[in-house]
Amino acid sequence: MTALMNAINKNNASLVQQLIENGADVNELDSNQDAPLVIAAYKGYNQVLKSLLEAGADVRAVDPGMKATALHAAAYAGRTEAAKLLIEYHIDINKQGPYNGYTALHDAIWQDNVEIVKLLLEAGADLSLLSNDGKSALDFARGKGRKEIVGLIEGRLGK
């Protein structure tokens, strides 16, 4: 494990900042092929995440398993502040995972993370995108029985 990733996993923001100032590569994958940005977003370590973003961490970084972005990770884990930061740094909110075609919105719906759904809708999430099994965000929300989210999406669609 890299020194940077070790500091990230401990949520040691001051050490992360020190390592960055001393030239640590904010995009270096660890031995598990985990990207620092994805881990910080998933864990909701917002100060660490902000330091990585300010230092130029690549918002296109993906996890080694599902090839999901940091925004997917934040949406799945319910990390609203992390998702806000990533959106501020222009992460692709409509990026689809290659295996299931899910967007971050699909992941937020999956885990019933209503605040992140609201955030993604406000940020202009594309509601016409379909997962690999042909489900829009609205279809997915209906299938999961997420009534509040269905209402939010229908409101956005003018239904």
C-alpha atoms as a PDB file:
ATOM      1  CA  MET A   1       0.000   0.000   0.000  1.00  0.00           C
ATOM      2  CA  THR A   2       1.310   3.439  -0.888  1.00  0.00           C
ATOM      3  CA  ALA A   3       1.978   5.964   1.861  1.00  0.00           C
ATOM      4  CA  LEU A   4      -0.733   8.172   0.376  1.00  0.00           C
ATOM      5  CA  MET A   5      -3.306   5.384   0.350  1.00  0.00           C
ATOM      6  CA  ASN A   6      -2.370   4.455   3.909  1.00  0.00           C
ATOM      7  CA  ALA A   7      -2.981   8.061   5.003  1.00  0.00           C
ATOM      8  CA  ILE A   8      -6.277   8.129   3.079  1.00  0.00           C
ATOM      9  CA  ASN A   9      -7.484   4.916   4.714  1.00  0.00           C
ATOM     10  CA  LYS A  10      -6.755   6.469   8.122  1.00  0.00           C
ATOM     11  CA  ASN A  11      -8.585   9.676   7.100  1.00  0.00           C
ATOM     12  CA  ASN A  12      -5.443  11.599   8.038  1.00  0.00           C
ATOM     13  CA  ALA A  13      -6.067  14.797   6.082  1.00  0.00           C
ATOM     14  CA  SER A  14      -2.969  16.590   7.320  1.00  0.00           C
ATOM     15  CA  LEU A  15      -0.685  13.712   6.332  1.00  0.00           C
ATOM     16  CA  VAL A  16      -2.413  13.442   2.944  1.00  0.00           C
ATOM     17  CA  GLN A  17      -1.770  17.149   2.391  1.00  0.00           C
ATOM     18  CA  GLN A  18       1.858  16.792   3.498  1.00  0.00           C
ATOM     19  CA  LEU A  19       2.416  13.840   1.168  1.00  0.00           C
ATOM     20  CA  ILE A  20       0.890  15.781  -1.731  1.00  0.00           C
ATOM     21  CA  GLU A  21       3.109  18.778  -0.989  1.00  0.00           C
ATOM     22  CA  ASN A  22       6.106  16.424  -1.001  1.00  0.00           C
ATOM     23  CA  GLY A  23       5.228  15.123  -4.450  1.00  0.00           C
ATOM     24  CA  ALA A  24       3.009  12.093  -3.866  1.00  0.00           C
ATOM     25  CA  ASP A  25       1.210  11.035  -7.033  1.00  0.00           C
ATOM     26  CA  VAL A  26      -2.500  11.556  -6.316  1.00  0.00           C
ATOM     27  CA  ASN A  27      -3.391   9.162  -9.130  1.00  0.00           C
ATOM     28  CA  GLU A  28      -1.092   6.278  -8.172  1.00  0.00           C
ATOM     29  CA  LEU A  29      -3.025   3.055  -7.742  1.00  0.00           C
ATOM     30  CA  ASP A  30      -2.233   0.859  -4.771  1.00  0.00           C
ATOM     31  CA  SER A  31      -1.416  -2.847  -4.963  1.00  0.00           C
ATOM     32  CA  ASN A  32      -5.158  -3.645  -5.213  1.00  0.00           C
ATOM     33  CA  GLN A  33      -5.441  -1.198  -8.133  1.00  0.00           C
ATOM     34  CA  ASP A  34      -7.592   1.106  -6.011  1.00  0.00           C
ATOM     35  CA  ALA A  35      -7.537   4.789  -6.931  1.00  0.00           C
ATOM     36  CA  PRO A  36      -7.082   7.290  -4.085  1.00  0.00           C
ATOM     37  CA  LEU A  37     -10.013   9.422  -5.274  1.00  0.00           C
ATOM     38  CA  VAL A  38     -12.431   6.489  -5.406  1.00  0.00           C
ATOM     39  CA  ILE A  39     -11.481   5.298  -1.910  1.00  0.00           C
ATOM     40  CA  ALA A  40     -11.781   8.777  -0.378  1.00  0.00           C
ATOM     41  CA  ALA A  41     -15.187   9.289  -2.025  1.00  0.00           C
ATOM     42  CA  TYR A  42     -16.505   5.884  -0.985  1.00  0.00           C
ATOM     43  CA  LYS A  43     -15.452   6.429   2.611  1.00  0.00           C
ATOM     44  CA  GLY A  44     -16.754   9.994   2.676  1.00  0.00           C
ATOM     45  CA  TYR A  45     -13.427  11.483   3.728  1.00  0.00           C
ATOM     46  CA  ASN A  46     -14.322  14.926   2.422  1.00  0.00           C
ATOM     47  CA  GLN A  47     -11.238  16.908   3.446  1.00  0.00           C
ATOM     48  CA  VAL A  48      -8.991  14.216   1.980  1.00  0.00           C
ATOM     49  CA  LEU A  49     -11.141  14.163  -1.151  1.00  0.00           C
ATOM     50  CA  LYS A  50     -10.884  17.931  -1.488  1.00  0.00           C
ATOM     51  CA  SER A  51      -7.093  17.803  -1.140  1.00  0.00           C
ATOM     52  CA  LEU A  52      -6.874  15.131  -3.828  1.00  0.00           C
ATOM     53  CA  LEU A  53      -9.113  17.106  -6.174  1.00  0.00           C
ATOM     54  CA  GLU A  54      -7.207  20.350  -5.580  1.00  0.00           C
ATOM     55  CA  ALA A  55      -3.970  18.481  -6.354  1.00  0.00           C
ATOM     56  CA  GLY A  56      -5.329  17.346  -9.709  1.00  0.00           C
ATOM     57  CA  ALA A  57      -6.652  13.845  -9.007  1.00  0.00           C
ATOM     58  CA  ASP A  58      -8.179  12.401 -12.165  1.00  0.00           C
ATOM     59  CA  VAL A  59     -11.981  12.389 -11.845  1.00  0.00           C
ATOM     60  CA  ARG A  60     -12.041   9.643 -14.500  1.00  0.00           C
ATOM     61  CA  ALA A  61     -10.379   7.173 -12.088  1.00  0.00           C
ATOM     62  CA  VAL A  62     -12.345   3.960 -11.564  1.00  0.00           C
ATOM     63  CA  ASP A  63     -12.385   1.106  -9.096  1.00  0.00           C
ATOM     64  CA  PRO A  64     -10.762  -2.176 -10.150  1.00  0.00           C
ATOM     65  CA  GLY A  65     -13.888  -4.309  -9.850  1.00  0.00           C
ATOM     66  CA  MET A  66     -16.897  -2.643 -11.439  1.00  0.00           C
ATOM     67  CA  LYS A  67     -14.890   0.142 -13.135  1.00  0.00           C
ATOM     68  CA  ALA A  68     -17.103   2.656 -11.342  1.00  0.00           C
ATOM     69  CA  THR A  69     -16.109   6.284 -10.817  1.00  0.00           C
ATOM     70  CA  ALA A  70     -15.657   8.075  -7.506  1.00  0.00           C
ATOM     71  CA  LEU A  71     -19.150   9.527  -7.995  1.00  0.00           C
ATOM     72  CA  HIS A  72     -20.612   6.024  -8.333  1.00  0.00           C
ATOM     73  CA  ALA A  73     -18.818   5.123  -5.087  1.00  0.00           C
ATOM     74  CA  ALA A  74     -20.107   8.204  -3.259  1.00  0.00           C
ATOM     75  CA  ALA A  75     -23.647   7.674  -4.577  1.00  0.00           C
ATOM     76  CA  TYR A  76     -23.670   4.013  -3.575  1.00  0.00           C
ATOM     77  CA  ALA A  77     -22.267   4.732  -0.106  1.00  0.00           C
ATOM     78  CA  GLY A  78     -24.534   7.715   0.563  1.00  0.00           C
ATOM     79  CA  ARG A  79     -21.739  10.284   0.747  1.00  0.00           C
ATOM     80  CA  THR A  80     -23.620  13.447  -0.238  1.00  0.00           C
ATOM     81  CA  GLU A  81     -20.831  15.918   0.526  1.00  0.00           C
ATOM     82  CA  ALA A  82     -18.325  13.835  -1.409  1.00  0.00           C
ATOM     83  CA  ALA A  83     -20.718  13.721  -4.360  1.00  0.00           C
ATOM     84  CA  LYS A  84     -21.087  17.533  -4.222  1.00  0.00           C
ATOM     85  CA  LEU A  85     -17.318  17.967  -4.301  1.00  0.00           C
ATOM     86  CA  LEU A  86     -16.927  15.629  -7.248  1.00  0.00           C
ATOM     87  CA  ILE A  87     -19.643  17.440  -9.182  1.00  0.00           C
ATOM     88  CA  GLU A  88     -17.929  20.769  -8.434  1.00  0.00           C
ATOM     89  CA  TYR A  89     -14.786  19.303 -10.019  1.00  0.00           C
ATOM     90  CA  HIS A  90     -16.709  18.349 -13.156  1.00  0.00           C
ATOM     91  CA  ILE A  91     -16.884  14.591 -12.813  1.00  0.00           C
ATOM     92  CA  ASP A  92     -19.035  13.036 -15.532  1.00  0.00           C
ATOM     93  CA  ILE A  93     -22.334  12.573 -13.705  1.00  0.00           C
ATOM     94  CA  ASN A  94     -23.699  10.422 -16.517  1.00  0.00           C
ATOM     95  CA  LYS A  95     -20.772   7.995 -16.799  1.00  0.00           C
ATOM     96  CA  GLN A  96     -22.070   4.458 -17.089  1.00  0.00           C
ATOM     97  CA  GLY A  97     -20.330   1.440 -15.624  1.00  0.00           C
ATOM     98  CA  PRO A  98     -19.219  -0.972 -18.350  1.00  0.00           C
ATOM     99  CA  TYR A  99     -20.634  -4.100 -16.726  1.00  0.00           C
ATOM    100  CA  ASN A 100     -24.137  -3.047 -15.702  1.00  0.00           C
ATOM    101  CA  GLY A 101     -24.545   0.318 -17.414  1.00  0.00           C
ATOM    102  CA  TYR A 102     -25.479   1.990 -14.138  1.00  0.00           C
ATOM    103  CA  THR A 103     -24.920   5.681 -13.659  1.00  0.00           C
ATOM    104  CA  ALA A 104     -24.270   7.219 -10.244  1.00  0.00           C
ATOM    105  CA  LEU A 105     -28.011   7.934 -10.188  1.00  0.00           C
ATOM    106  CA  HIS A 106     -28.773   4.217 -10.548  1.00  0.00           C
ATOM    107  CA  ASP A 107     -26.371   3.506  -7.668  1.00  0.00           C
ATOM    108  CA  ALA A 108     -28.007   6.142  -5.455  1.00  0.00           C
ATOM    109  CA  ILE A 109     -31.430   4.658  -6.246  1.00  0.00           C
ATOM    110  CA  TRP A 110     -30.166   1.137  -5.539  1.00  0.00           C
ATOM    111  CA  GLN A 111     -29.154   2.160  -2.021  1.00  0.00           C
ATOM    112  CA  ASP A 112     -32.142   4.521  -1.492  1.00  0.00           C
ATOM    113  CA  ASN A 113     -29.870   7.539  -1.028  1.00  0.00           C
ATOM    114  CA  VAL A 114     -32.528  10.195  -1.584  1.00  0.00           C
ATOM    115  CA  GLU A 115     -30.301  13.225  -0.921  1.00  0.00           C
ATOM    116  CA  ILE A 116     -27.839  12.110  -3.569  1.00  0.00           C
ATOM    117  CA  VAL A 117     -30.676  11.462  -6.001  1.00  0.00           C
ATOM    118  CA  LYS A 118     -31.815  15.064  -5.415  1.00  0.00           C
ATOM    119  CA  LEU A 119     -28.269  16.326  -5.922  1.00  0.00           C
ATOM    120  CA  LEU A 120     -27.809  14.403  -9.170  1.00  0.00           C
ATOM    121  CA  LEU A 121     -31.169  15.531 -10.508  1.00  0.00           C
ATOM    122  CA  GLU A 122     -30.306  19.160  -9.717  1.00  0.00           C
ATOM    123  CA  ALA A 123     -26.937  18.688 -11.442  1.00  0.00           C
ATOM    124  CA  GLY A 124     -28.720  17.582 -14.616  1.00  0.00           C
ATOM    125  CA  ALA A 125     -28.433  13.780 -14.570  1.00  0.00           C
ATOM    126  CA  ASP A 126     -29.598  12.365 -17.903  1.00  0.00           C
ATOM    127  CA  LEU A 127     -32.814  10.493 -17.186  1.00  0.00           C
ATOM    128  CA  SER A 128     -32.919   8.930 -20.649  1.00  0.00           C
ATOM    129  CA  LEU A 129     -29.846   6.730 -20.122  1.00  0.00           C
ATOM    130  CA  LEU A 130     -30.563   3.023 -19.869  1.00  0.00           C
ATOM    131  CA  SER A 131     -28.663   0.380 -17.913  1.00  0.00           C
ATOM    132  CA  ASN A 132     -27.391  -2.656 -19.787  1.00  0.00           C
ATOM    133  CA  ASP A 133     -30.651  -4.425 -18.951  1.00  0.00           C
ATOM    134  CA  GLY A 134     -32.667  -1.572 -20.461  1.00  0.00           C
ATOM    135  CA  LYS A 135     -33.733   0.242 -17.296  1.00  0.00           C
ATOM    136  CA  SER A 136     -33.931   4.003 -17.011  1.00  0.00           C
ATOM    137  CA  ALA A 137     -33.469   5.585 -13.588  1.00  0.00           C
ATOM    138  CA  LEU A 138     -37.266   5.804 -13.300  1.00  0.00           C
ATOM    139  CA  ASP A 139     -37.704   2.121 -14.235  1.00  0.00           C
ATOM    140  CA  PHE A 140     -35.025   1.176 -11.736  1.00  0.00           C
ATOM    141  CA  ALA A 141     -36.621   3.240  -8.945  1.00  0.00           C
ATOM    142  CA  ARG A 142     -40.019   1.714  -9.641  1.00  0.00           C
ATOM    143  CA  GLY A 143     -38.527  -1.788  -9.659  1.00  0.00           C
ATOM    144  CA  LYS A 144     -36.855  -1.167  -6.295  1.00  0.00           C
ATOM    145  CA  GLY A 145     -40.057   0.266  -4.792  1.00  0.00           C
ATOM    146  CA  ARG A 146     -38.422   3.638  -4.106  1.00  0.00           C
ATOM    147  CA  LYS A 147     -41.633   5.710  -4.010  1.00  0.00           C
ATOM    148  CA  GLU A 148     -40.028   8.980  -2.910  1.00  0.00           C
ATOM    149  CA  ILE A 149     -37.400   8.732  -5.635  1.00  0.00           C
ATOM    150  CA  VAL A 150     -40.020   7.820  -8.241  1.00  0.00           C
ATOM    151  CA  GLY A 151     -41.841  11.008  -7.286  1.00  0.00           C
ATOM    152  CA  LEU A 152     -38.672  13.078  -7.596  1.00  0.00           C
ATOM    153  CA  ILE A 153     -37.867  11.697 -11.044  1.00  0.00           C
ATOM    154  CA  GLU A 154     -41.443  12.020 -12.257  1.00  0.00           C
ATOM    155  CA  GLY A 155     -41.402  15.626 -11.042  1.00  0.00           C
ATOM    156  CA  ARG A 156     -38.235  16.269 -13.013  1.00  0.00           C
ATOM    157  CA  LEU A 157     -39.787  14.669 -16.090  1.00  0.00           C
ATOM    158  CA  GLY A 158     -42.994  16.674 -15.682  1.00  0.00           C
ATOM    159  CA  LYS A 159     -45.187  13.606 -15.165  1.00  0.00           C
END
